Amino acid sequence: MFSLAHSSTTSENTENKINIQQLNAEFGVAQQIEFIVGKGNLPCIQINNSKASALISIYAAQVLSFKPINETADLMFISDNAFFQEGKAIKGGTPICWPWFGTAPDQGNQNDLKRPAHGFVRNSFWSVSSADVLANGDTKIVLEIEDSEQTREIWPFRFQLALEIVIGESLTLELLTRNTGNQPFTITEALHTYINVGDATQATVFGLEHTEYLNKKEDFIPMCQVGALTIAEETDHIHTDIKHQLIIEDPVFKRKIKITSSGNKNVVVWNPWAEIAAEMTDLKNDDYKYFICLEVANVATDGVEILPGSEYRMDANYSVV
């Protein structure tokens, strides 16, 4: 396994750029898998196979782009104002919220100041565990991150987290949490995926009809979704009574995007709308019009407890139908 540093120093960032050659020598596959220096000098993986193209940031283990071969529009939304720098989350694509979703649990000590919203793996370098061309022509990338002295300062558990990414006619993400310590821990988690749409106000989400949800705008009051879901205002819902297949109908791009999942108890639907988008420095003022976050998640209850030596999987598949 070739590992990248978890530090945010400039010298180590320069070292990451140099190591692109080593990554290509160890894992690169001509005309299909190439390791490159991306925006902000962050190391990335460019995938081009017979079925799709994709761009994956090794920093944050984040799919920044996925486009099936016959599609003109990307399935992933990335803001032009997104930060591409160490220590910052990248606004768009498939950020991973882990081991907590939202505000960090209060530990009641000074380390709380170091605990970023949505966890620490979306602002960290991961390791490349494997990069392979499968027999069917798909491309499979496995990225990993494990506990370190720095992570244990703010979350005192031993773990190994792996993200398996398969690029083919569809995009598959499988997040695998392993408890490598001697005490149980509980996580909340989400694949905080930004789906690219032509106009969020014209798109319709099917699959959440008649499901219960907690409305963050209304102090998490339980509500029920009546009919298909549309976006006409700030939306921040945690659906607790879910099915594991969703469809986004996008009339502007003339396509339907199917999302199937397993291992998740919840689906989060988020769009910040105009006022909040204008307050976010890593979003352009009108960006809210061009994405819907549909997040496969375990966030609404007491989370997922993982015993020592055990593991837990959550996965999602994204395809155009």
C-alpha atoms as a PDB file:
ATOM      1  CA  MET A   1       0.000   0.000   0.000  1.00  0.00           C
ATOM      2  CA  PHE A   2       1.297   3.447  -0.846  1.00  0.00           C
ATOM      3  CA  SER A   3       0.303   5.982   1.809  1.00  0.00           C
ATOM      4  CA  LEU A   4       0.013   9.738   1.549  1.00  0.00           C
ATOM      5  CA  ALA A   5       0.694  12.009   4.506  1.00  0.00           C
ATOM      6  CA  HIS A   6      -2.161  13.248   6.644  1.00  0.00           C
ATOM      7  CA  SER A   7      -0.454  16.521   7.475  1.00  0.00           C
ATOM      8  CA  SER A   8      -1.298  19.855   5.873  1.00  0.00           C
ATOM      9  CA  THR A   9       2.216  21.261   5.579  1.00  0.00           C
ATOM     10  CA  THR A  10       3.382  22.799   2.321  1.00  0.00           C
ATOM     11  CA  SER A  11       6.483  20.613   2.163  1.00  0.00           C
ATOM     12  CA  GLU A  12       4.461  17.427   2.408  1.00  0.00           C
ATOM     13  CA  ASN A  13       2.023  18.737  -0.181  1.00  0.00           C
ATOM     14  CA  THR A  14       4.990  19.180  -2.525  1.00  0.00           C
ATOM     15  CA  GLU A  15       6.029  15.617  -1.698  1.00  0.00           C
ATOM     16  CA  ASN A  16       2.544  14.437  -2.679  1.00  0.00           C
ATOM     17  CA  LYS A  17       3.050  15.964  -6.141  1.00  0.00           C
ATOM     18  CA  ILE A  18       6.376  14.180  -6.539  1.00  0.00           C
ATOM     19  CA  ASN A  19       4.791  10.882  -5.504  1.00  0.00           C
ATOM     20  CA  ILE A  20       2.399  10.993  -8.443  1.00  0.00           C
ATOM     21  CA  GLN A  21       5.100   9.199 -10.441  1.00  0.00           C
ATOM     22  CA  GLN A  22       5.327   6.464  -7.824  1.00  0.00           C
ATOM     23  CA  LEU A  23       1.550   6.067  -7.803  1.00  0.00           C
ATOM     24  CA  ASN A  24       1.494   5.717 -11.589  1.00  0.00           C
ATOM     25  CA  ALA A  25       4.337   3.208 -11.466  1.00  0.00           C
ATOM     26  CA  GLU A  26       2.562   1.095  -8.843  1.00  0.00           C
ATOM     27  CA  PHE A  27      -1.094   1.410  -9.831  1.00  0.00           C
ATOM     28  CA  GLY A  28      -1.447   3.171 -13.166  1.00  0.00           C
ATOM     29  CA  VAL A  29      -3.013   1.396 -16.119  1.00  0.00           C
ATOM     30  CA  ALA A  30      -2.361   2.979 -19.505  1.00  0.00           C
ATOM     31  CA  GLN A  31      -5.372   4.824 -20.941  1.00  0.00           C
ATOM     32  CA  GLN A  32      -7.608   3.824 -18.003  1.00  0.00           C
ATOM     33  CA  ILE A  33      -6.102   4.786 -14.617  1.00  0.00           C
ATOM     34  CA  GLU A  34      -3.829   7.799 -14.328  1.00  0.00           C
ATOM     35  CA  PHE A  35      -2.664   9.625 -11.208  1.00  0.00           C
ATOM     36  CA  ILE A  36      -2.461  13.372 -11.742  1.00  0.00           C
ATOM     37  CA  VAL A  37      -1.983  16.620  -9.856  1.00  0.00           C
ATOM     38  CA  GLY A  38      -5.384  18.273  -9.588  1.00  0.00           C
ATOM     39  CA  LYS A  39      -6.599  21.677  -8.471  1.00  0.00           C
ATOM     40  CA  GLY A  40      -4.781  23.041  -5.461  1.00  0.00           C
ATOM     41  CA  ASN A  41      -1.970  20.560  -6.147  1.00  0.00           C
ATOM     42  CA  LEU A  42      -4.108  17.796  -4.671  1.00  0.00           C
ATOM     43  CA  PRO A  43      -3.366  14.280  -5.969  1.00  0.00           C
ATOM     44  CA  CYS A  44      -6.204  12.832  -8.038  1.00  0.00           C
ATOM     45  CA  ILE A  45      -7.054   9.732 -10.043  1.00  0.00           C
ATOM     46  CA  GLN A  46      -8.336  10.172 -13.590  1.00  0.00           C
ATOM     47  CA  ILE A  47     -10.411   7.254 -14.873  1.00  0.00           C
ATOM     48  CA  ASN A  48     -11.251   6.754 -18.542  1.00  0.00           C
ATOM     49  CA  ASN A  49     -12.689   3.402 -19.525  1.00  0.00           C
ATOM     50  CA  SER A  50     -15.071   2.235 -22.240  1.00  0.00           C
ATOM     51  CA  LYS A  51     -18.119   3.008 -20.072  1.00  0.00           C
ATOM     52  CA  ALA A  52     -17.431   6.278 -18.242  1.00  0.00           C
ATOM     53  CA  SER A  53     -14.949   8.872 -17.105  1.00  0.00           C
ATOM     54  CA  ALA A  54     -14.360   9.936 -13.513  1.00  0.00           C
ATOM     55  CA  LEU A  55     -12.093  12.093 -11.383  1.00  0.00           C
ATOM     56  CA  ILE A  56     -11.340  11.052  -7.806  1.00  0.00           C
ATOM     57  CA  SER A  57      -9.502  13.168  -5.242  1.00  0.00           C
ATOM     58  CA  ILE A  58      -7.225  11.131  -2.978  1.00  0.00           C
ATOM     59  CA  TYR A  59      -7.601  13.993  -0.532  1.00  0.00           C
ATOM     60  CA  ALA A  60     -10.989  13.305   1.122  1.00  0.00           C
ATOM     61  CA  ALA A  61     -11.524  10.137  -1.004  1.00  0.00           C
ATOM     62  CA  GLN A  62     -14.020  12.166  -2.994  1.00  0.00           C
ATOM     63  CA  VAL A  63     -15.438  11.499  -6.446  1.00  0.00           C
ATOM     64  CA  LEU A  64     -15.382  14.917  -8.106  1.00  0.00           C
ATOM     65  CA  SER A  65     -16.713  13.854 -11.496  1.00  0.00           C
ATOM     66  CA  PHE A  66     -18.571  10.885 -12.961  1.00  0.00           C
ATOM     67  CA  LYS A  67     -19.876  10.899 -16.512  1.00  0.00           C
ATOM     68  CA  PRO A  68     -21.149   7.814 -18.350  1.00  0.00           C
ATOM     69  CA  ILE A  69     -19.811   7.633 -21.883  1.00  0.00           C
ATOM     70  CA  ASN A  70     -23.084   8.658 -23.559  1.00  0.00           C
ATOM     71  CA  GLU A  71     -23.902  11.525 -21.169  1.00  0.00           C
ATOM     72  CA  THR A  72     -23.121  15.156 -21.929  1.00  0.00           C
ATOM     73  CA  ALA A  73     -23.666  16.389 -18.351  1.00  0.00           C
ATOM     74  CA  ASP A  74     -21.759  15.171 -15.309  1.00  0.00           C
ATOM     75  CA  LEU A  75     -23.689  13.369 -12.562  1.00  0.00           C
ATOM     76  CA  MET A  76     -21.649  15.233  -9.941  1.00  0.00           C
ATOM     77  CA  PHE A  77     -21.932  18.932  -9.096  1.00  0.00           C
ATOM     78  CA  ILE A  78     -18.813  20.887  -8.089  1.00  0.00           C
ATOM     79  CA  SER A  79     -18.958  24.583  -7.250  1.00  0.00           C
ATOM     80  CA  ASP A  80     -16.599  26.905  -9.102  1.00  0.00           C
ATOM     81  CA  ASN A  81     -15.972  28.446  -5.659  1.00  0.00           C
ATOM     82  CA  ALA A  82     -15.061  25.131  -4.009  1.00  0.00           C
ATOM     83  CA  PHE A  83     -11.910  25.109  -1.902  1.00  0.00           C
ATOM     84  CA  PHE A  84      -9.154  22.808  -3.140  1.00  0.00           C
ATOM     85  CA  GLN A  85      -6.767  23.074  -0.231  1.00  0.00           C
ATOM     86  CA  GLU A  86      -5.709  20.944   2.692  1.00  0.00           C
ATOM     87  CA  GLY A  87      -7.785  21.419   5.800  1.00  0.00           C
ATOM     88  CA  LYS A  88     -10.878  22.417   3.809  1.00  0.00           C
ATOM     89  CA  ALA A  89     -13.779  20.336   2.565  1.00  0.00           C
ATOM     90  CA  ILE A  90     -14.443  20.323  -1.193  1.00  0.00           C
ATOM     91  CA  LYS A  91     -17.941  21.618  -1.975  1.00  0.00           C
ATOM     92  CA  GLY A  92     -19.413  19.063  -4.363  1.00  0.00           C
ATOM     93  CA  GLY A  93     -19.001  15.527  -5.584  1.00  0.00           C
ATOM     94  CA  THR A  94     -19.254  12.838  -2.897  1.00  0.00           C
ATOM     95  CA  PRO A  95     -17.919  14.108   0.471  1.00  0.00           C
ATOM     96  CA  ILE A  96     -17.817  11.502   3.240  1.00  0.00           C
ATOM     97  CA  CYS A  97     -19.227  12.493   6.624  1.00  0.00           C
ATOM     98  CA  TRP A  98     -17.624  10.209   9.244  1.00  0.00           C
ATOM     99  CA  PRO A  99     -17.421   9.315  12.169  1.00  0.00           C
ATOM    100  CA  TRP A 100     -20.053  11.922  12.922  1.00  0.00           C
ATOM    101  CA  PHE A 101     -22.609  13.784  10.850  1.00  0.00           C
ATOM    102  CA  GLY A 102     -23.240  17.464  11.511  1.00  0.00           C
ATOM    103  CA  THR A 103     -21.863  19.021  14.673  1.00  0.00           C
ATOM    104  CA  ALA A 104     -19.296  16.926  16.526  1.00  0.00           C
ATOM    105  CA  PRO A 105     -20.459  15.193  19.695  1.00  0.00           C
ATOM    106  CA  ASP A 106     -19.444  17.218  22.752  1.00  0.00           C
ATOM    107  CA  GLN A 107     -16.526  15.691  24.637  1.00  0.00           C
ATOM    108  CA  GLY A 108     -16.448  18.561  27.106  1.00  0.00           C
ATOM    109  CA  ASN A 109     -12.760  19.380  26.671  1.00  0.00           C
ATOM    110  CA  GLN A 110     -10.462  21.597  24.643  1.00  0.00           C
ATOM    111  CA  ASN A 111     -10.227  19.069  21.813  1.00  0.00           C
ATOM    112  CA  ASP A 112     -13.814  19.947  20.878  1.00  0.00           C
ATOM    113  CA  LEU A 113     -12.340  22.991  19.137  1.00  0.00           C
ATOM    114  CA  LYS A 114     -10.474  20.671  16.752  1.00  0.00           C
ATOM    115  CA  ARG A 115     -13.521  18.606  15.816  1.00  0.00           C
ATOM    116  CA  PRO A 116     -14.832  19.823  12.436  1.00  0.00           C
ATOM    117  CA  ALA A 117     -18.445  19.494  11.350  1.00  0.00           C
ATOM    118  CA  HIS A 118     -19.153  16.207   9.546  1.00  0.00           C
ATOM    119  CA  GLY A 119     -16.007  14.547  10.883  1.00  0.00           C
ATOM    120  CA  PHE A 120     -12.368  14.582   9.867  1.00  0.00           C
ATOM    121  CA  VAL A 121     -12.023  12.183   6.914  1.00  0.00           C
ATOM    122  CA  ARG A 122     -13.317  14.693   4.343  1.00  0.00           C
ATOM    123  CA  ASN A 123     -10.388  17.004   5.212  1.00  0.00           C
ATOM    124  CA  SER A 124      -7.684  14.293   5.240  1.00  0.00           C
ATOM    125  CA  PHE A 125      -5.446  12.486   2.809  1.00  0.00           C
ATOM    126  CA  TRP A 126      -6.287   8.814   2.302  1.00  0.00           C
ATOM    127  CA  SER A 127      -4.104   5.963   1.047  1.00  0.00           C
ATOM    128  CA  VAL A 128      -4.377   4.139  -2.257  1.00  0.00           C
ATOM    129  CA  SER A 129      -4.924   0.485  -1.386  1.00  0.00           C
ATOM    130  CA  SER A 130      -5.613  -0.846  -4.882  1.00  0.00           C
ATOM    131  CA  ALA A 131      -6.488   0.235  -8.415  1.00  0.00           C
ATOM    132  CA  ASP A 132      -7.670  -2.445 -10.810  1.00  0.00           C
ATOM    133  CA  VAL A 133      -9.362  -3.041 -14.136  1.00  0.00           C
ATOM    134  CA  LEU A 134     -12.064  -5.652 -13.628  1.00  0.00           C
ATOM    135  CA  ALA A 135     -12.881  -8.444 -16.062  1.00  0.00           C
ATOM    136  CA  ASN A 136     -16.006  -6.631 -17.266  1.00  0.00           C
ATOM    137  CA  GLY A 137     -14.033  -3.460 -18.085  1.00  0.00           C
ATOM    138  CA  ASP A 138     -15.071  -1.525 -14.968  1.00  0.00           C
ATOM    139  CA  THR A 139     -12.441   0.251 -12.899  1.00  0.00           C
ATOM    140  CA  LYS A 140     -12.166  -0.365  -9.152  1.00  0.00           C
ATOM    141  CA  ILE A 141     -10.299   1.948  -6.789  1.00  0.00           C
ATOM    142  CA  VAL A 142      -9.933   1.290  -3.055  1.00  0.00           C
ATOM    143  CA  LEU A 143      -8.870   4.128  -0.760  1.00  0.00           C
ATOM    144  CA  GLU A 144      -8.227   3.747   2.954  1.00  0.00           C
ATOM    145  CA  ILE A 145      -7.594   5.811   6.067  1.00  0.00           C
ATOM    146  CA  GLU A 146      -6.858   4.609   9.574  1.00  0.00           C
ATOM    147  CA  ASP A 147      -6.474   6.061  13.023  1.00  0.00           C
ATOM    148  CA  SER A 148      -3.379   8.028  13.907  1.00  0.00           C
ATOM    149  CA  GLU A 149      -2.107   9.985  16.864  1.00  0.00           C
ATOM    150  CA  GLN A 150      -3.837  13.056  15.427  1.00  0.00           C
ATOM    151  CA  THR A 151      -7.225  11.361  14.968  1.00  0.00           C
ATOM    152  CA  ARG A 152      -7.128   9.769  18.415  1.00  0.00           C
ATOM    153  CA  GLU A 153      -6.709  13.213  19.972  1.00  0.00           C
ATOM    154  CA  ILE A 154     -10.193  14.157  18.797  1.00  0.00           C
ATOM    155  CA  TRP A 155     -11.841  10.711  18.480  1.00  0.00           C
ATOM    156  CA  PRO A 156     -10.199   8.147  20.772  1.00  0.00           C
ATOM    157  CA  PHE A 157     -10.804   4.967  18.791  1.00  0.00           C
ATOM    158  CA  ARG A 158      -8.836   2.683  16.508  1.00  0.00           C
ATOM    159  CA  PHE A 159     -10.349   2.132  13.108  1.00  0.00           C
ATOM    160  CA  GLN A 160      -9.763   1.430   9.460  1.00  0.00           C
ATOM    161  CA  LEU A 161     -12.086   3.056   6.935  1.00  0.00           C
ATOM    162  CA  ALA A 162     -12.150   1.962   3.300  1.00  0.00           C
ATOM    163  CA  LEU A 163     -13.982   3.396   0.325  1.00  0.00           C
ATOM    164  CA  GLU A 164     -14.430   1.064  -2.645  1.00  0.00           C
ATOM    165  CA  ILE A 165     -15.229   2.963  -5.856  1.00  0.00           C
ATOM    166  CA  VAL A 166     -16.341   1.168  -9.012  1.00  0.00           C
ATOM    167  CA  ILE A 167     -16.552   3.159 -12.247  1.00  0.00           C
ATOM    168  CA  GLY A 168     -18.601   1.534 -15.008  1.00  0.00           C
ATOM    169  CA  GLU A 169     -21.958   2.223 -16.565  1.00  0.00           C
ATOM    170  CA  SER A 170     -22.873   3.285 -13.035  1.00  0.00           C
ATOM    171  CA  LEU A 171     -20.924   4.619 -10.052  1.00  0.00           C
ATOM    172  CA  THR A 172     -20.787   2.436  -6.943  1.00  0.00           C
ATOM    173  CA  LEU A 173     -19.476   3.595  -3.572  1.00  0.00           C
ATOM    174  CA  GLU A 174     -19.068   1.207  -0.651  1.00  0.00           C
ATOM    175  CA  LEU A 175     -17.957   2.628   2.700  1.00  0.00           C
ATOM    176  CA  LEU A 176     -16.540  -0.013   5.037  1.00  0.00           C
ATOM    177  CA  THR A 177     -15.841   0.777   8.695  1.00  0.00           C
ATOM    178  CA  ARG A 178     -13.654  -1.650  10.664  1.00  0.00           C
ATOM    179  CA  ASN A 179     -13.194  -1.471  14.423  1.00  0.00           C
ATOM    180  CA  THR A 180      -9.532  -2.410  14.932  1.00  0.00           C
ATOM    181  CA  GLY A 181      -9.482  -1.536  18.627  1.00  0.00           C
ATOM    182  CA  ASN A 182     -10.571  -3.288  21.807  1.00  0.00           C
ATOM    183  CA  GLN A 183     -13.637  -1.218  22.653  1.00  0.00           C
ATOM    184  CA  PRO A 184     -16.907  -0.624  20.793  1.00  0.00           C
ATOM    185  CA  PHE A 185     -17.615   2.693  19.119  1.00  0.00           C
ATOM    186  CA  THR A 186     -20.639   4.339  17.557  1.00  0.00           C
ATOM    187  CA  ILE A 187     -20.604   6.297  14.305  1.00  0.00           C
ATOM    188  CA  THR A 188     -22.948   8.430  12.297  1.00  0.00           C
ATOM    189  CA  GLU A 189     -22.122   8.677   8.600  1.00  0.00           C
ATOM    190  CA  ALA A 190     -23.257   9.916   5.206  1.00  0.00           C
ATOM    191  CA  LEU A 191     -22.291   9.917   1.549  1.00  0.00           C
ATOM    192  CA  HIS A 192     -23.072  13.632   1.127  1.00  0.00           C
ATOM    193  CA  THR A 193     -23.510  13.415  -2.646  1.00  0.00           C
ATOM    194  CA  TYR A 194     -24.167  16.536  -4.733  1.00  0.00           C
ATOM    195  CA  ILE A 195     -26.258  15.463  -7.734  1.00  0.00           C
ATOM    196  CA  ASN A 196     -25.910  17.749 -10.743  1.00  0.00           C
ATOM    197  CA  VAL A 197     -29.273  18.921 -12.121  1.00  0.00           C
ATOM    198  CA  GLY A 198     -30.187  21.412 -14.819  1.00  0.00           C
ATOM    199  CA  ASP A 199     -32.565  23.299 -12.528  1.00  0.00           C
ATOM    200  CA  ALA A 200     -33.297  22.153  -8.967  1.00  0.00           C
ATOM    201  CA  THR A 201     -36.703  23.849  -9.019  1.00  0.00           C
ATOM    202  CA  GLN A 202     -37.787  21.710 -11.977  1.00  0.00           C
ATOM    203  CA  ALA A 203     -36.361  18.394 -10.732  1.00  0.00           C
ATOM    204  CA  THR A 204     -38.500  15.843  -8.896  1.00  0.00           C
ATOM    205  CA  VAL A 205     -37.361  13.206  -6.412  1.00  0.00           C
ATOM    206  CA  PHE A 206     -39.344   9.964  -6.386  1.00  0.00           C
ATOM    207  CA  GLY A 207     -39.074   7.240  -3.789  1.00  0.00           C
ATOM    208  CA  LEU A 208     -39.684   9.217  -0.598  1.00  0.00           C
ATOM    209  CA  GLU A 209     -43.466   9.445  -0.952  1.00  0.00           C
ATOM    210  CA  HIS A 210     -45.316   8.846   2.323  1.00  0.00           C
ATOM    211  CA  THR A 211     -42.087   8.580   4.322  1.00  0.00           C
ATOM    212  CA  GLU A 212     -41.522  10.234   7.672  1.00  0.00           C
ATOM    213  CA  TYR A 213     -38.774  12.811   8.034  1.00  0.00           C
ATOM    214  CA  LEU A 214     -37.245  15.173  10.568  1.00  0.00           C
ATOM    215  CA  ASN A 215     -37.269  18.785   9.380  1.00  0.00           C
ATOM    216  CA  LYS A 216     -34.158  20.642  10.530  1.00  0.00           C
ATOM    217  CA  LYS A 217     -35.766  23.992   9.642  1.00  0.00           C
ATOM    218  CA  GLU A 218     -38.527  23.255  12.158  1.00  0.00           C
ATOM    219  CA  ASP A 219     -36.358  22.043  15.065  1.00  0.00           C
ATOM    220  CA  PHE A 220     -36.449  18.463  13.755  1.00  0.00           C
ATOM    221  CA  ILE A 221     -40.204  18.161  14.084  1.00  0.00           C
ATOM    222  CA  PRO A 222     -41.350  14.821  12.605  1.00  0.00           C
ATOM    223  CA  MET A 223     -43.291  15.304   9.367  1.00  0.00           C
ATOM    224  CA  CYS A 224     -44.548  13.162   6.511  1.00  0.00           C
ATOM    225  CA  GLN A 225     -43.654  13.593   2.856  1.00  0.00           C
ATOM    226  CA  VAL A 226     -46.820  13.842   0.791  1.00  0.00           C
ATOM    227  CA  GLY A 227     -46.252  12.930  -2.849  1.00  0.00           C
ATOM    228  CA  ALA A 228     -43.005  13.254  -4.764  1.00  0.00           C
ATOM    229  CA  LEU A 229     -40.444  15.702  -3.384  1.00  0.00           C
ATOM    230  CA  THR A 230     -39.668  18.991  -5.136  1.00  0.00           C
ATOM    231  CA  ILE A 231     -37.320  21.811  -4.166  1.00  0.00           C
ATOM    232  CA  ALA A 232     -38.892  25.258  -3.807  1.00  0.00           C
ATOM    233  CA  GLU A 233     -37.175  26.546  -0.648  1.00  0.00           C
ATOM    234  CA  GLU A 234     -34.399  25.701   1.777  1.00  0.00           C
ATOM    235  CA  THR A 235     -34.667  21.960   2.330  1.00  0.00           C
ATOM    236  CA  ASP A 236     -32.959  19.942   5.052  1.00  0.00           C
ATOM    237  CA  HIS A 237     -34.783  16.675   5.725  1.00  0.00           C
ATOM    238  CA  ILE A 238     -33.652  13.478   7.425  1.00  0.00           C
ATOM    239  CA  HIS A 239     -35.951  10.742   6.140  1.00  0.00           C
ATOM    240  CA  THR A 240     -36.284   7.971   8.695  1.00  0.00           C
ATOM    241  CA  ASP A 241     -38.797   5.674   7.010  1.00  0.00           C
ATOM    242  CA  ILE A 242     -37.058   4.966   3.737  1.00  0.00           C
ATOM    243  CA  LYS A 243     -36.978   2.765   0.699  1.00  0.00           C
ATOM    244  CA  HIS A 244     -33.628   1.972  -0.841  1.00  0.00           C
ATOM    245  CA  GLN A 245     -34.272   3.250  -4.342  1.00  0.00           C
ATOM    246  CA  LEU A 246     -34.672   6.897  -5.366  1.00  0.00           C
ATOM    247  CA  ILE A 247     -35.155   8.508  -8.764  1.00  0.00           C
ATOM    248  CA  ILE A 248     -34.347  12.112  -9.662  1.00  0.00           C
ATOM    249  CA  GLU A 249     -36.257  13.195 -12.745  1.00  0.00           C
ATOM    250  CA  ASP A 250     -34.366  16.061 -14.385  1.00  0.00           C
ATOM    251  CA  PRO A 251     -36.309  17.562 -17.309  1.00  0.00           C
ATOM    252  CA  VAL A 252     -33.596  20.093 -18.189  1.00  0.00           C
ATOM    253  CA  PHE A 253     -30.919  17.456 -18.755  1.00  0.00           C
ATOM    254  CA  LYS A 254     -33.611  15.053 -20.031  1.00  0.00           C
ATOM    255  CA  ARG A 255     -32.587  12.176 -17.802  1.00  0.00           C
ATOM    256  CA  LYS A 256     -33.497  10.173 -14.724  1.00  0.00           C
ATOM    257  CA  ILE A 257     -30.848   9.353 -12.144  1.00  0.00           C
ATOM    258  CA  LYS A 258     -31.402   6.234 -10.033  1.00  0.00           C
ATOM    259  CA  ILE A 259     -29.824   5.876  -6.596  1.00  0.00           C
ATOM    260  CA  THR A 260     -29.958   2.509  -4.857  1.00  0.00           C
ATOM    261  CA  SER A 261     -28.454   1.822  -1.449  1.00  0.00           C
ATOM    262  CA  SER A 262     -28.006  -0.616   1.397  1.00  0.00           C
ATOM    263  CA  GLY A 263     -26.720  -0.383   4.940  1.00  0.00           C
ATOM    264  CA  ASN A 264     -28.379   3.001   5.463  1.00  0.00           C
ATOM    265  CA  LYS A 265     -31.257   3.739   7.810  1.00  0.00           C
ATOM    266  CA  ASN A 266     -31.765   7.271   6.488  1.00  0.00           C
ATOM    267  CA  VAL A 267     -31.764   9.505   3.441  1.00  0.00           C
ATOM    268  CA  VAL A 268     -30.887  13.179   3.838  1.00  0.00           C
ATOM    269  CA  VAL A 269     -32.221  15.701   1.310  1.00  0.00           C
ATOM    270  CA  TRP A 270     -30.483  19.080   1.344  1.00  0.00           C
ATOM    271  CA  ASN A 271     -30.540  22.264  -0.688  1.00  0.00           C
ATOM    272  CA  PRO A 272     -29.441  25.509   1.010  1.00  0.00           C
ATOM    273  CA  TRP A 273     -31.515  27.821  -1.198  1.00  0.00           C
ATOM    274  CA  ALA A 274     -30.576  31.403  -2.028  1.00  0.00           C
ATOM    275  CA  GLU A 275     -29.951  33.054   1.351  1.00  0.00           C
ATOM    276  CA  ILE A 276     -27.697  30.368   2.810  1.00  0.00           C
ATOM    277  CA  ALA A 277     -25.886  29.809  -0.498  1.00  0.00           C
ATOM    278  CA  ALA A 278     -25.041  33.525  -0.586  1.00  0.00           C
ATOM    279  CA  GLU A 279     -23.477  33.213   2.878  1.00  0.00           C
ATOM    280  CA  MET A 280     -21.237  30.298   1.885  1.00  0.00           C
ATOM    281  CA  THR A 281     -17.877  31.384   0.490  1.00  0.00           C
ATOM    282  CA  ASP A 282     -17.412  28.042  -1.276  1.00  0.00           C
ATOM    283  CA  LEU A 283     -20.697  28.348  -3.200  1.00  0.00           C
ATOM    284  CA  LYS A 284     -21.602  30.854  -5.875  1.00  0.00           C
ATOM    285  CA  ASN A 285     -24.805  32.743  -5.129  1.00  0.00           C
ATOM    286  CA  ASP A 286     -26.846  30.839  -7.700  1.00  0.00           C
ATOM    287  CA  ASP A 287     -25.251  27.391  -7.199  1.00  0.00           C
ATOM    288  CA  TYR A 288     -28.257  26.173  -5.220  1.00  0.00           C
ATOM    289  CA  LYS A 289     -30.163  26.025  -8.506  1.00  0.00           C
ATOM    290  CA  TYR A 290     -27.893  23.344  -9.905  1.00  0.00           C
ATOM    291  CA  PHE A 291     -27.696  20.569  -7.319  1.00  0.00           C
ATOM    292  CA  ILE A 292     -29.721  18.425  -4.971  1.00  0.00           C
ATOM    293  CA  CYS A 293     -27.919  16.597  -2.183  1.00  0.00           C
ATOM    294  CA  LEU A 294     -29.367  13.111  -1.753  1.00  0.00           C
ATOM    295  CA  GLU A 295     -27.357  11.522   1.017  1.00  0.00           C
ATOM    296  CA  VAL A 296     -27.299   7.842   1.874  1.00  0.00           C
ATOM    297  CA  ALA A 297     -26.844   8.027   5.642  1.00  0.00           C
ATOM    298  CA  ASN A 298     -27.042   6.690   9.176  1.00  0.00           C
ATOM    299  CA  VAL A 299     -27.660   9.856  11.167  1.00  0.00           C
ATOM    300  CA  ALA A 300     -31.075  10.086  12.788  1.00  0.00           C
ATOM    301  CA  THR A 301     -31.029   7.608  15.649  1.00  0.00           C
ATOM    302  CA  ASP A 302     -28.237   6.523  17.957  1.00  0.00           C
ATOM    303  CA  GLY A 303     -25.971   5.781  15.013  1.00  0.00           C
ATOM    304  CA  VAL A 304     -24.319   2.460  14.263  1.00  0.00           C
ATOM    305  CA  GLU A 305     -22.452   0.626  17.010  1.00  0.00           C
ATOM    306  CA  ILE A 306     -19.467  -1.403  15.807  1.00  0.00           C
ATOM    307  CA  LEU A 307     -17.922  -3.949  18.153  1.00  0.00           C
ATOM    308  CA  PRO A 308     -14.179  -4.699  18.356  1.00  0.00           C
ATOM    309  CA  GLY A 309     -13.083  -6.796  15.402  1.00  0.00           C
ATOM    310  CA  SER A 310     -16.331  -6.106  13.541  1.00  0.00           C
ATOM    311  CA  GLU A 311     -17.118  -4.082  10.437  1.00  0.00           C
ATOM    312  CA  TYR A 312     -20.069  -2.273   8.897  1.00  0.00           C
ATOM    313  CA  ARG A 313     -20.835  -1.549   5.251  1.00  0.00           C
ATOM    314  CA  MET A 314     -22.937   1.152   3.633  1.00  0.00           C
ATOM    315  CA  ASP A 315     -23.151   1.486  -0.128  1.00  0.00           C
ATOM    316  CA  ALA A 316     -24.792   3.502  -2.874  1.00  0.00           C
ATOM    317  CA  ASN A 317     -25.069   3.114  -6.638  1.00  0.00           C
ATOM    318  CA  TYR A 318     -25.735   6.002  -9.046  1.00  0.00           C
ATOM    319  CA  SER A 319     -26.888   5.421 -12.616  1.00  0.00           C
ATOM    320  CA  VAL A 320     -28.732   7.104 -15.474  1.00  0.00           C
ATOM    321  CA  VAL A 321     -31.891   5.216 -16.466  1.00  0.00           C
END
